[in-house]
């Protein structure tokens, strides 16, 4: 039987989150176009900024708020344009795109 010492057990949670994130990103990349995937990945910056503001109570300047807002608008517009293109083409492909966006969104919270 494998016995884990105390220091090794501390690495289990980050390792599982890393495994989950990589699987989610692989799934997202298989369902999204490359440019849409890249722009959606920028959502990590949004979630990091929001979590650091809410949980860590970090202060942000007005310029940082403007930058985060513009980034959020850019990610939303890219996702919206991909969604409208796929709805016109095929509804089954649109479902895969929605699952891809959901995977990217979930991976943003695991990083």
PDB file of N, CA and C in Angstrom:
ATOM      1  N   UNK A   1       0.846  -1.174   0.000  1.00  0.00           N
ATOM      2  CA  UNK A   1       0.000   0.000   0.000  1.00  0.00           C
ATOM      3  C   UNK A   1       0.896   1.242   0.000  1.00  0.00           C
ATOM      4  N   UNK A   2       0.452   2.231  -0.714  1.00  0.00           N
ATOM      5  CA  UNK A   2       1.217   3.473  -0.816  1.00  0.00           C
ATOM      6  C   UNK A   2       0.878   4.355   0.363  1.00  0.00           C
ATOM      7  N   UNK A   3       1.895   4.810   1.033  1.00  0.00           N
ATOM      8  CA  UNK A   3       1.660   5.732   2.136  1.00  0.00           C
ATOM      9  C   UNK A   3       2.145   7.120   1.729  1.00  0.00           C
ATOM     10  N   UNK A   4       1.285   8.097   1.898  1.00  0.00           N
ATOM     11  CA  UNK A   4       1.607   9.470   1.530  1.00  0.00           C
ATOM     12  C   UNK A   4       1.989  10.262   2.771  1.00  0.00           C
ATOM     13  N   UNK A   5       3.073  10.986   2.662  1.00  0.00           N
ATOM     14  CA  UNK A   5       3.424  11.845   3.782  1.00  0.00           C
ATOM     15  C   UNK A   5       2.600  13.132   3.727  1.00  0.00           C
ATOM     16  N   UNK A   6       2.713  13.921   4.740  1.00  0.00           N
ATOM     17  CA  UNK A   6       1.897  15.132   4.880  1.00  0.00           C
ATOM     18  C   UNK A   6       2.139  16.127   3.744  1.00  0.00           C
ATOM     19  N   UNK A   7       3.387  16.284   3.306  1.00  0.00           N
ATOM     20  CA  UNK A   7       3.706  17.229   2.237  1.00  0.00           C
ATOM     21  C   UNK A   7       3.131  16.786   0.894  1.00  0.00           C
ATOM     22  N   UNK A   8       3.108  15.501   0.663  1.00  0.00           N
ATOM     23  CA  UNK A   8       2.571  14.989  -0.601  1.00  0.00           C
ATOM     24  C   UNK A   8       1.061  15.178  -0.695  1.00  0.00           C
ATOM     25  N   UNK A   9       0.375  15.042   0.422  1.00  0.00           N
ATOM     26  CA  UNK A   9      -1.078  15.196   0.401  1.00  0.00           C
ATOM     27  C   UNK A   9      -1.502  16.629   0.089  1.00  0.00           C
ATOM     28  N   UNK A  10      -0.622  17.594   0.342  1.00  0.00           N
ATOM     29  CA  UNK A  10      -0.947  18.985   0.025  1.00  0.00           C
ATOM     30  C   UNK A  10      -1.010  19.224  -1.476  1.00  0.00           C
ATOM     31  N   UNK A  11      -0.412  18.360  -2.251  1.00  0.00           N
ATOM     32  CA  UNK A  11      -0.372  18.521  -3.698  1.00  0.00           C
ATOM     33  C   UNK A  11      -1.540  17.858  -4.418  1.00  0.00           C
ATOM     34  N   UNK A  12      -2.365  17.141  -3.689  1.00  0.00           N
ATOM     35  CA  UNK A  12      -3.459  16.417  -4.336  1.00  0.00           C
ATOM     36  C   UNK A  12      -4.481  17.374  -4.945  1.00  0.00           C
ATOM     37  N   UNK A  13      -4.893  18.396  -4.217  1.00  0.00           N
ATOM     38  CA  UNK A  13      -5.917  19.323  -4.732  1.00  0.00           C
ATOM     39  C   UNK A  13      -5.427  20.079  -5.959  1.00  0.00           C
ATOM     40  N   UNK A  14      -4.244  20.695  -5.948  1.00  0.00           N
ATOM     41  CA  UNK A  14      -3.782  21.355  -7.174  1.00  0.00           C
ATOM     42  C   UNK A  14      -3.606  20.386  -8.344  1.00  0.00           C
ATOM     43  N   UNK A  15      -3.186  19.171  -8.058  1.00  0.00           N
ATOM     44  CA  UNK A  15      -3.007  18.189  -9.127  1.00  0.00           C
ATOM     45  C   UNK A  15      -4.340  17.819  -9.766  1.00  0.00           C
ATOM     46  N   UNK A  16      -5.367  17.630  -8.954  1.00  0.00           N
ATOM     47  CA  UNK A  16      -6.690  17.292  -9.478  1.00  0.00           C
ATOM     48  C   UNK A  16      -7.265  18.471 -10.268  1.00  0.00           C
ATOM     49  N   UNK A  17      -7.081  19.694  -9.759  1.00  0.00           N
ATOM     50  CA  UNK A  17      -7.557  20.874 -10.491  1.00  0.00           C
ATOM     51  C   UNK A  17      -6.837  21.029 -11.824  1.00  0.00           C
ATOM     52  N   UNK A  18      -5.542  20.759 -11.844  1.00  0.00           N
ATOM     53  CA  UNK A  18      -4.768  20.836 -13.082  1.00  0.00           C
ATOM     54  C   UNK A  18      -5.247  19.789 -14.078  1.00  0.00           C
ATOM     55  N   UNK A  19      -5.503  18.576 -13.612  1.00  0.00           N
ATOM     56  CA  UNK A  19      -6.024  17.506 -14.466  1.00  0.00           C
ATOM     57  C   UNK A  19      -7.386  17.891 -15.035  1.00  0.00           C
ATOM     58  N   UNK A  20      -8.257  18.400 -14.194  1.00  0.00           N
ATOM     59  CA  UNK A  20      -9.584  18.818 -14.628  1.00  0.00           C
ATOM     60  C   UNK A  20      -9.498  19.955 -15.646  1.00  0.00           C
ATOM     61  N   UNK A  21      -8.651  20.932 -15.376  1.00  0.00           N
ATOM     62  CA  UNK A  21      -8.506  22.068 -16.282  1.00  0.00           C
ATOM     63  C   UNK A  21      -7.991  21.620 -17.649  1.00  0.00           C
ATOM     64  N   UNK A  22      -7.000  20.757 -17.681  1.00  0.00           N
ATOM     65  CA  UNK A  22      -6.468  20.297 -18.964  1.00  0.00           C
ATOM     66  C   UNK A  22      -7.502  19.515 -19.759  1.00  0.00           C
ATOM     67  N   UNK A  23      -8.285  18.697 -19.091  1.00  0.00           N
ATOM     68  CA  UNK A  23      -9.328  17.956 -19.791  1.00  0.00           C
ATOM     69  C   UNK A  23     -10.419  18.881 -20.314  1.00  0.00           C
ATOM     70  N   UNK A  24     -10.790  19.876 -19.526  1.00  0.00           N
ATOM     71  CA  UNK A  24     -11.790  20.843 -19.975  1.00  0.00           C
ATOM     72  C   UNK A  24     -11.292  21.640 -21.180  1.00  0.00           C
ATOM     73  N   UNK A  25     -10.032  22.058 -21.142  1.00  0.00           N
ATOM     74  CA  UNK A  25      -9.484  22.832 -22.251  1.00  0.00           C
ATOM     75  C   UNK A  25      -9.354  21.995 -23.511  1.00  0.00           C
ATOM     76  N   UNK A  26      -8.991  20.731 -23.372  1.00  0.00           N
ATOM     77  CA  UNK A  26      -8.929  19.850 -24.532  1.00  0.00           C
ATOM     78  C   UNK A  26     -10.315  19.680 -25.148  1.00  0.00           C
ATOM     79  N   UNK A  27     -11.318  19.496 -24.297  1.00  0.00           N
ATOM     80  CA  UNK A  27     -12.693  19.362 -24.780  1.00  0.00           C
ATOM     81  C   UNK A  27     -13.156  20.650 -25.467  1.00  0.00           C
ATOM     82  N   UNK A  28     -12.824  21.782 -24.870  1.00  0.00           N
ATOM     83  CA  UNK A  28     -13.229  23.073 -25.447  1.00  0.00           C
ATOM     84  C   UNK A  28     -12.569  23.292 -26.799  1.00  0.00           C
ATOM     85  N   UNK A  29     -11.304  22.967 -26.903  1.00  0.00           N
ATOM     86  CA  UNK A  29     -10.585  23.171 -28.158  1.00  0.00           C
ATOM     87  C   UNK A  29     -11.127  22.269 -29.252  1.00  0.00           C
ATOM     88  N   UNK A  30     -11.629  21.112 -28.892  1.00  0.00           N
ATOM     89  CA  UNK A  30     -12.191  20.221 -29.909  1.00  0.00           C
ATOM     90  C   UNK A  30     -13.567  20.692 -30.382  1.00  0.00           C
ATOM     91  N   UNK A  31     -14.204  21.613 -29.643  1.00  0.00           N
ATOM     92  CA  UNK A  31     -15.538  22.080 -30.015  1.00  0.00           C
ATOM     93  C   UNK A  31     -15.586  23.540 -30.467  1.00  0.00           C
ATOM     94  N   UNK A  32     -14.478  24.259 -30.362  1.00  0.00           N
ATOM     95  CA  UNK A  32     -14.448  25.671 -30.736  1.00  0.00           C
ATOM     96  C   UNK A  32     -13.404  25.901 -31.814  1.00  0.00           C
ATOM     97  N   UNK A  33     -13.581  26.968 -32.572  1.00  0.00           N
ATOM     98  CA  UNK A  33     -12.537  27.361 -33.505  1.00  0.00           C
ATOM     99  C   UNK A  33     -11.365  27.925 -32.702  1.00  0.00           C
ATOM    100  N   UNK A  34     -10.189  27.896 -33.297  1.00  0.00           N
ATOM    101  CA  UNK A  34      -8.985  28.314 -32.577  1.00  0.00           C
ATOM    102  C   UNK A  34      -9.051  29.780 -32.143  1.00  0.00           C
ATOM    103  N   UNK A  35      -9.441  30.729 -33.019  1.00  0.00           N
ATOM    104  CA  UNK A  35      -9.504  32.127 -32.552  1.00  0.00           C
ATOM    105  C   UNK A  35     -10.509  32.330 -31.411  1.00  0.00           C
ATOM    106  N   UNK A  36     -11.639  31.666 -31.490  1.00  0.00           N
ATOM    107  CA  UNK A  36     -12.641  31.793 -30.437  1.00  0.00           C
ATOM    108  C   UNK A  36     -12.124  31.193 -29.133  1.00  0.00           C
ATOM    109  N   UNK A  37     -11.436  30.091 -29.239  1.00  0.00           N
ATOM    110  CA  UNK A  37     -10.844  29.468 -28.062  1.00  0.00           C
ATOM    111  C   UNK A  37      -9.833  30.407 -27.403  1.00  0.00           C
ATOM    112  N   UNK A  38      -8.975  31.014 -28.207  1.00  0.00           N
ATOM    113  CA  UNK A  38      -7.946  31.902 -27.671  1.00  0.00           C
ATOM    114  C   UNK A  38      -8.561  33.119 -26.974  1.00  0.00           C
ATOM    115  N   UNK A  39      -9.576  33.710 -27.599  1.00  0.00           N
ATOM    116  CA  UNK A  39     -10.220  34.881 -26.995  1.00  0.00           C
ATOM    117  C   UNK A  39     -10.961  34.476 -25.719  1.00  0.00           C
ATOM    118  N   UNK A  40     -11.597  33.319 -25.756  1.00  0.00           N
ATOM    119  CA  UNK A  40     -12.328  32.859 -24.573  1.00  0.00           C
ATOM    120  C   UNK A  40     -11.390  32.560 -23.415  1.00  0.00           C
ATOM    121  N   UNK A  41     -10.179  32.142 -23.724  1.00  0.00           N
ATOM    122  CA  UNK A  41      -9.194  31.878 -22.689  1.00  0.00           C
ATOM    123  C   UNK A  41      -8.840  33.137 -21.907  1.00  0.00           C
ATOM    124  N   UNK A  42      -9.058  34.294 -22.501  1.00  0.00           N
ATOM    125  CA  UNK A  42      -8.779  35.546 -21.802  1.00  0.00           C
ATOM    126  C   UNK A  42      -9.728  35.749 -20.624  1.00  0.00           C
ATOM    127  N   UNK A  43     -10.774  34.944 -20.568  1.00  0.00           N
ATOM    128  CA  UNK A  43     -11.677  34.993 -19.428  1.00  0.00           C
ATOM    129  C   UNK A  43     -10.985  34.656 -18.119  1.00  0.00           C
ATOM    130  N   UNK A  44      -9.837  33.983 -18.194  1.00  0.00           N
ATOM    131  CA  UNK A  44      -9.074  33.694 -16.979  1.00  0.00           C
ATOM    132  C   UNK A  44      -8.675  34.979 -16.274  1.00  0.00           C
ATOM    133  N   UNK A  45      -8.347  35.992 -17.060  1.00  0.00           N
ATOM    134  CA  UNK A  45      -7.971  37.274 -16.462  1.00  0.00           C
ATOM    135  C   UNK A  45      -9.153  37.895 -15.729  1.00  0.00           C
ATOM    136  N   UNK A  46     -10.339  37.745 -16.310  1.00  0.00           N
ATOM    137  CA  UNK A  46     -11.541  38.277 -15.658  1.00  0.00           C
ATOM    138  C   UNK A  46     -11.810  37.580 -14.337  1.00  0.00           C
ATOM    139  N   UNK A  47     -11.777  36.256 -14.358  1.00  0.00           N
ATOM    140  CA  UNK A  47     -12.072  35.531 -13.123  1.00  0.00           C
ATOM    141  C   UNK A  47     -10.999  35.774 -12.068  1.00  0.00           C
ATOM    142  N   UNK A  48      -9.747  35.877 -12.487  1.00  0.00           N
ATOM    143  CA  UNK A  48      -8.677  36.170 -11.528  1.00  0.00           C
ATOM    144  C   UNK A  48      -8.872  37.538 -10.891  1.00  0.00           C
ATOM    145  N   UNK A  49      -9.231  38.526 -11.700  1.00  0.00           N
ATOM    146  CA  UNK A  49      -9.456  39.870 -11.170  1.00  0.00           C
ATOM    147  C   UNK A  49     -10.649  39.897 -10.229  1.00  0.00           C
ATOM    148  N   UNK A  50     -11.734  39.227 -10.598  1.00  0.00           N
ATOM    149  CA  UNK A  50     -12.917  39.222  -9.739  1.00  0.00           C
ATOM    150  C   UNK A  50     -12.665  38.487  -8.429  1.00  0.00           C
ATOM    151  N   UNK A  51     -11.996  37.348  -8.514  1.00  0.00           N
ATOM    152  CA  UNK A  51     -11.732  36.579  -7.298  1.00  0.00           C
ATOM    153  C   UNK A  51     -10.765  37.319  -6.386  1.00  0.00           C
ATOM    154  N   UNK A  52      -9.736  37.954  -6.975  1.00  0.00           N
ATOM    155  CA  UNK A  52      -8.799  38.695  -6.124  1.00  0.00           C
ATOM    156  C   UNK A  52      -9.467  39.912  -5.490  1.00  0.00           C
ATOM    157  N   UNK A  53     -10.426  40.488  -6.181  1.00  0.00           N
ATOM    158  CA  UNK A  53     -11.149  41.642  -5.629  1.00  0.00           C
ATOM    159  C   UNK A  53     -12.104  41.214  -4.519  1.00  0.00           C
ATOM    160  N   UNK A  54     -12.840  40.126  -4.747  1.00  0.00           N
ATOM    161  CA  UNK A  54     -13.866  39.704  -3.791  1.00  0.00           C
ATOM    162  C   UNK A  54     -13.258  38.967  -2.602  1.00  0.00           C
ATOM    163  N   UNK A  55     -12.425  37.977  -2.866  1.00  0.00           N
ATOM    164  CA  UNK A  55     -11.917  37.148  -1.781  1.00  0.00           C
ATOM    165  C   UNK A  55     -10.735  37.802  -1.071  1.00  0.00           C
ATOM    166  N   UNK A  56      -9.778  38.307  -1.850  1.00  0.00           N
ATOM    167  CA  UNK A  56      -8.574  38.869  -1.247  1.00  0.00           C
ATOM    168  C   UNK A  56      -8.705  40.349  -0.898  1.00  0.00           C
ATOM    169  N   UNK A  57      -9.831  40.951  -1.315  1.00  0.00           N
ATOM    170  CA  UNK A  57     -10.105  42.367  -1.055  1.00  0.00           C
ATOM    171  C   UNK A  57      -8.994  43.276  -1.597  1.00  0.00           C
ATOM    172  N   UNK A  58      -8.494  42.918  -2.775  1.00  0.00           N
ATOM    173  CA  UNK A  58      -7.440  43.707  -3.400  1.00  0.00           C
ATOM    174  C   UNK A  58      -8.039  44.958  -4.044  1.00  0.00           C
ATOM    175  N   UNK A  59      -7.381  46.073  -3.863  1.00  0.00           N
ATOM    176  CA  UNK A  59      -7.835  47.328  -4.464  1.00  0.00           C
ATOM    177  C   UNK A  59      -7.424  47.367  -5.929  1.00  0.00           C
ATOM    178  N   UNK A  60      -8.304  47.924  -6.748  1.00  0.00           N
ATOM    179  CA  UNK A  60      -8.011  48.076  -8.173  1.00  0.00           C
ATOM    180  C   UNK A  60      -8.197  49.539  -8.557  1.00  0.00           C
ATOM    181  N   UNK A  61      -7.344  50.000  -9.449  1.00  0.00           N
ATOM    182  CA  UNK A  61      -7.448  51.388  -9.891  1.00  0.00           C
ATOM    183  C   UNK A  61      -8.548  51.507 -10.949  1.00  0.00           C
ATOM    184  N   UNK A  62      -8.907  52.733 -11.263  1.00  0.00           N
ATOM    185  CA  UNK A  62      -9.928  52.978 -12.274  1.00  0.00           C
ATOM    186  C   UNK A  62      -9.479  52.440 -13.634  1.00  0.00           C
ATOM    187  N   UNK A  63      -8.192  52.584 -13.943  1.00  0.00           N
ATOM    188  CA  UNK A  63      -7.669  52.081 -15.210  1.00  0.00           C
ATOM    189  C   UNK A  63      -7.781  50.550 -15.282  1.00  0.00           C
ATOM    190  N   UNK A  64      -7.551  49.876 -14.169  1.00  0.00           N
ATOM    191  CA  UNK A  64      -7.685  48.423 -14.150  1.00  0.00           C
ATOM    192  C   UNK A  64      -9.136  47.996 -14.345  1.00  0.00           C
ATOM    193  N   UNK A  65     -10.065  48.741 -13.742  1.00  0.00           N
ATOM    194  CA  UNK A  65     -11.480  48.437 -13.955  1.00  0.00           C
ATOM    195  C   UNK A  65     -11.861  48.628 -15.425  1.00  0.00           C
ATOM    196  N   UNK A  66     -11.361  49.675 -16.031  1.00  0.00           N
ATOM    197  CA  UNK A  66     -11.652  49.922 -17.452  1.00  0.00           C
ATOM    198  C   UNK A  66     -11.071  48.800 -18.302  1.00  0.00           C
ATOM    199  N   UNK A  67      -9.841  48.395 -18.009  1.00  0.00           N
ATOM    200  CA  UNK A  67      -9.202  47.324 -18.782  1.00  0.00           C
ATOM    201  C   UNK A  67      -9.960  46.009 -18.638  1.00  0.00           C
ATOM    202  N   UNK A  68     -10.368  45.669 -17.429  1.00  0.00           N
ATOM    203  CA  UNK A  68     -11.115  44.434 -17.201  1.00  0.00           C
ATOM    204  C   UNK A  68     -12.474  44.495 -17.895  1.00  0.00           C
ATOM    205  N   UNK A  69     -13.126  45.656 -17.864  1.00  0.00           N
ATOM    206  CA  UNK A  69     -14.414  45.815 -18.537  1.00  0.00           C
ATOM    207  C   UNK A  69     -14.266  45.649 -20.045  1.00  0.00           C
ATOM    208  N   UNK A  70     -13.255  46.282 -20.630  1.00  0.00           N
ATOM    209  CA  UNK A  70     -13.028  46.137 -22.070  1.00  0.00           C
ATOM    210  C   UNK A  70     -12.697  44.698 -22.446  1.00  0.00           C
ATOM    211  N   UNK A  71     -11.920  44.027 -21.622  1.00  0.00           N
ATOM    212  CA  UNK A  71     -11.610  42.631 -21.876  1.00  0.00           C
ATOM    213  C   UNK A  71     -12.871  41.780 -21.826  1.00  0.00           C
ATOM    214  N   UNK A  72     -13.712  42.030 -20.839  1.00  0.00           N
ATOM    215  CA  UNK A  72     -14.979  41.302 -20.738  1.00  0.00           C
ATOM    216  C   UNK A  72     -15.882  41.538 -21.934  1.00  0.00           C
ATOM    217  N   UNK A  73     -15.938  42.771 -22.411  1.00  0.00           N
ATOM    218  CA  UNK A  73     -16.751  43.078 -23.595  1.00  0.00           C
ATOM    219  C   UNK A  73     -16.189  42.368 -24.815  1.00  0.00           C
ATOM    220  N   UNK A  74     -14.861  42.353 -24.943  1.00  0.00           N
ATOM    221  CA  UNK A  74     -14.238  41.668 -26.073  1.00  0.00           C
ATOM    222  C   UNK A  74     -14.506  40.178 -26.072  1.00  0.00           C
ATOM    223  N   UNK A  75     -14.400  39.549 -24.913  1.00  0.00           N
ATOM    224  CA  UNK A  75     -14.678  38.116 -24.806  1.00  0.00           C
ATOM    225  C   UNK A  75     -16.148  37.848 -25.122  1.00  0.00           C
ATOM    226  N   UNK A  76     -17.034  38.676 -24.601  1.00  0.00           N
ATOM    227  CA  UNK A  76     -18.470  38.484 -24.855  1.00  0.00           C
ATOM    228  C   UNK A  76     -18.798  38.652 -26.337  1.00  0.00           C
ATOM    229  N   UNK A  77     -18.222  39.656 -26.990  1.00  0.00           N
ATOM    230  CA  UNK A  77     -18.484  39.865 -28.417  1.00  0.00           C
ATOM    231  C   UNK A  77     -17.954  38.720 -29.264  1.00  0.00           C
ATOM    232  N   UNK A  78     -16.774  38.211 -28.923  1.00  0.00           N
ATOM    233  CA  UNK A  78     -16.218  37.080 -29.675  1.00  0.00           C
ATOM    234  C   UNK A  78     -17.091  35.842 -29.509  1.00  0.00           C
ATOM    235  N   UNK A  79     -17.555  35.599 -28.287  1.00  0.00           N
ATOM    236  CA  UNK A  79     -18.417  34.446 -28.053  1.00  0.00           C
ATOM    237  C   UNK A  79     -19.763  34.614 -28.732  1.00  0.00           C
ATOM    238  N   UNK A  80     -20.290  35.817 -28.721  1.00  0.00           N
ATOM    239  CA  UNK A  80     -21.577  36.078 -29.364  1.00  0.00           C
ATOM    240  C   UNK A  80     -21.480  35.905 -30.875  1.00  0.00           C
ATOM    241  N   UNK A  81     -20.398  36.393 -31.471  1.00  0.00           N
ATOM    242  CA  UNK A  81     -20.257  36.254 -32.917  1.00  0.00           C
ATOM    243  C   UNK A  81     -20.105  34.792 -33.311  1.00  0.00           C
ATOM    244  N   UNK A  82     -19.384  34.007 -32.535  1.00  0.00           N
ATOM    245  CA  UNK A  82     -19.240  32.575 -32.823  1.00  0.00           C
ATOM    246  C   UNK A  82     -20.576  31.870 -32.682  1.00  0.00           C
ATOM    247  N   UNK A  83     -21.353  32.275 -31.691  1.00  0.00           N
ATOM    248  CA  UNK A  83     -22.658  31.653 -31.467  1.00  0.00           C
ATOM    249  C   UNK A  83     -23.616  31.953 -32.624  1.00  0.00           C
ATOM    250  N   UNK A  84     -23.659  33.198 -33.103  1.00  0.00           N
ATOM    251  CA  UNK A  84     -24.580  33.535 -34.187  1.00  0.00           C
ATOM    252  C   UNK A  84     -24.172  32.879 -35.498  1.00  0.00           C
ATOM    253  N   UNK A  85     -22.884  32.702 -35.731  1.00  0.00           N
ATOM    254  CA  UNK A  85     -22.438  32.018 -36.947  1.00  0.00           C
ATOM    255  C   UNK A  85     -22.862  30.559 -36.913  1.00  0.00           C
ATOM    256  N   UNK A  86     -22.707  29.901 -35.782  1.00  0.00           N
ATOM    257  CA  UNK A  86     -23.023  28.478 -35.680  1.00  0.00           C
ATOM    258  C   UNK A  86     -24.511  28.209 -35.643  1.00  0.00           C
ATOM    259  N   UNK A  87     -25.303  29.133 -35.139  1.00  0.00           N
ATOM    260  CA  UNK A  87     -26.753  28.937 -35.133  1.00  0.00           C
ATOM    261  C   UNK A  87     -27.275  28.925 -36.563  1.00  0.00           C
ATOM    262  N   UNK A  88     -26.700  29.747 -37.428  1.00  0.00           N
ATOM    263  CA  UNK A  88     -27.116  29.777 -38.820  1.00  0.00           C
ATOM    264  C   UNK A  88     -26.735  28.496 -39.547  1.00  0.00           C
ATOM    265  N   UNK A  89     -25.636  27.867 -39.162  1.00  0.00           N
ATOM    266  CA  UNK A  89     -25.149  26.691 -39.869  1.00  0.00           C
ATOM    267  C   UNK A  89     -25.890  25.423 -39.474  1.00  0.00           C
ATOM    268  N   UNK A  90     -25.823  25.044 -38.226  1.00  0.00           N
ATOM    269  CA  UNK A  90     -26.363  23.762 -37.808  1.00  0.00           C
ATOM    270  C   UNK A  90     -26.609  23.793 -36.304  1.00  0.00           C
ATOM    271  N   UNK A  91     -27.771  23.302 -35.888  1.00  0.00           N
ATOM    272  CA  UNK A  91     -28.097  23.362 -34.467  1.00  0.00           C
ATOM    273  C   UNK A  91     -27.286  22.361 -33.655  1.00  0.00           C
ATOM    274  N   UNK A  92     -26.911  21.214 -34.223  1.00  0.00           N
ATOM    275  CA  UNK A  92     -26.110  20.248 -33.460  1.00  0.00           C
ATOM    276  C   UNK A  92     -24.702  20.778 -33.225  1.00  0.00           C
ATOM    277  N   UNK A  93     -24.160  21.500 -34.205  1.00  0.00           N
ATOM    278  CA  UNK A  93     -22.844  22.105 -34.015  1.00  0.00           C
ATOM    279  C   UNK A  93     -22.925  23.230 -32.994  1.00  0.00           C
ATOM    280  N   UNK A  94     -24.044  23.942 -32.968  1.00  0.00           N
ATOM    281  CA  UNK A  94     -24.229  25.016 -31.989  1.00  0.00           C
ATOM    282  C   UNK A  94     -24.225  24.459 -30.574  1.00  0.00           C
ATOM    283  N   UNK A  95     -24.793  23.268 -30.385  1.00  0.00           N
ATOM    284  CA  UNK A  95     -24.766  22.645 -29.057  1.00  0.00           C
ATOM    285  C   UNK A  95     -23.343  22.321 -28.647  1.00  0.00           C
ATOM    286  N   UNK A  96     -22.525  21.844 -29.605  1.00  0.00           N
ATOM    287  CA  UNK A  96     -21.129  21.553 -29.286  1.00  0.00           C
ATOM    288  C   UNK A  96     -20.373  22.826 -28.935  1.00  0.00           C
ATOM    289  N   UNK A  97     -20.668  23.923 -29.628  1.00  0.00           N
ATOM    290  CA  UNK A  97     -20.020  25.197 -29.337  1.00  0.00           C
ATOM    291  C   UNK A  97     -20.407  25.670 -27.952  1.00  0.00           C
ATOM    292  N   UNK A  98     -21.665  25.506 -27.599  1.00  0.00           N
ATOM    293  CA  UNK A  98     -22.094  25.899 -26.255  1.00  0.00           C
ATOM    294  C   UNK A  98     -21.392  25.064 -25.186  1.00  0.00           C
ATOM    295  N   UNK A  99     -21.214  23.780 -25.452  1.00  0.00           N
ATOM    296  CA  UNK A  99     -20.481  22.940 -24.515  1.00  0.00           C
ATOM    297  C   UNK A  99     -19.018  23.367 -24.439  1.00  0.00           C
ATOM    298  N   UNK A 100     -18.453  23.783 -25.572  1.00  0.00           N
ATOM    299  CA  UNK A 100     -17.084  24.275 -25.587  1.00  0.00           C
ATOM    300  C   UNK A 100     -16.939  25.531 -24.745  1.00  0.00           C
ATOM    301  N   UNK A 101     -17.882  26.463 -24.878  1.00  0.00           N
ATOM    302  CA  UNK A 101     -17.846  27.682 -24.067  1.00  0.00           C
ATOM    303  C   UNK A 101     -18.016  27.364 -22.588  1.00  0.00           C
ATOM    304  N   UNK A 102     -18.882  26.411 -22.294  1.00  0.00           N
ATOM    305  CA  UNK A 102     -19.077  26.009 -20.903  1.00  0.00           C
ATOM    306  C   UNK A 102     -17.791  25.410 -20.333  1.00  0.00           C
ATOM    307  N   UNK A 103     -17.085  24.628 -21.137  1.00  0.00           N
ATOM    308  CA  UNK A 103     -15.816  24.034 -20.690  1.00  0.00           C
ATOM    309  C   UNK A 103     -14.770  25.116 -20.441  1.00  0.00           C
ATOM    310  N   UNK A 104     -14.696  26.119 -21.326  1.00  0.00           N
ATOM    311  CA  UNK A 104     -13.740  27.215 -21.129  1.00  0.00           C
ATOM    312  C   UNK A 104     -14.100  27.995 -19.871  1.00  0.00           C
ATOM    313  N   UNK A 105     -15.380  28.256 -19.676  1.00  0.00           N
ATOM    314  CA  UNK A 105     -15.832  28.987 -18.501  1.00  0.00           C
ATOM    315  C   UNK A 105     -15.461  28.235 -17.218  1.00  0.00           C
ATOM    316  N   UNK A 106     -15.688  26.930 -17.216  1.00  0.00           N
ATOM    317  CA  UNK A 106     -15.362  26.127 -16.035  1.00  0.00           C
ATOM    318  C   UNK A 106     -13.853  26.088 -15.805  1.00  0.00           C
ATOM    319  N   UNK A 107     -13.088  26.031 -16.889  1.00  0.00           N
ATOM    320  CA  UNK A 107     -11.623  25.983 -16.730  1.00  0.00           C
ATOM    321  C   UNK A 107     -11.071  27.307 -16.201  1.00  0.00           C
ATOM    322  N   UNK A 108     -11.761  28.397 -16.471  1.00  0.00           N
ATOM    323  CA  UNK A 108     -11.312  29.689 -15.946  1.00  0.00           C
ATOM    324  C   UNK A 108     -11.321  29.700 -14.420  1.00  0.00           C
ATOM    325  N   UNK A 109     -12.236  28.965 -13.817  1.00  0.00           N
ATOM    326  CA  UNK A 109     -12.317  28.924 -12.359  1.00  0.00           C
ATOM    327  C   UNK A 109     -11.387  27.903 -11.730  1.00  0.00           C
ATOM    328  N   UNK A 110     -10.791  27.029 -12.546  1.00  0.00           N
ATOM    329  CA  UNK A 110      -9.868  26.044 -11.987  1.00  0.00           C
ATOM    330  C   UNK A 110      -8.425  26.506 -12.065  1.00  0.00           C
ATOM    331  N   UNK A 111      -8.175  27.629 -12.749  1.00  0.00           N
ATOM    332  CA  UNK A 111      -6.774  28.057 -12.878  1.00  0.00           C
ATOM    333  C   UNK A 111      -6.370  28.993 -11.761  1.00  0.00           C
TER     334      UNK A 111
END
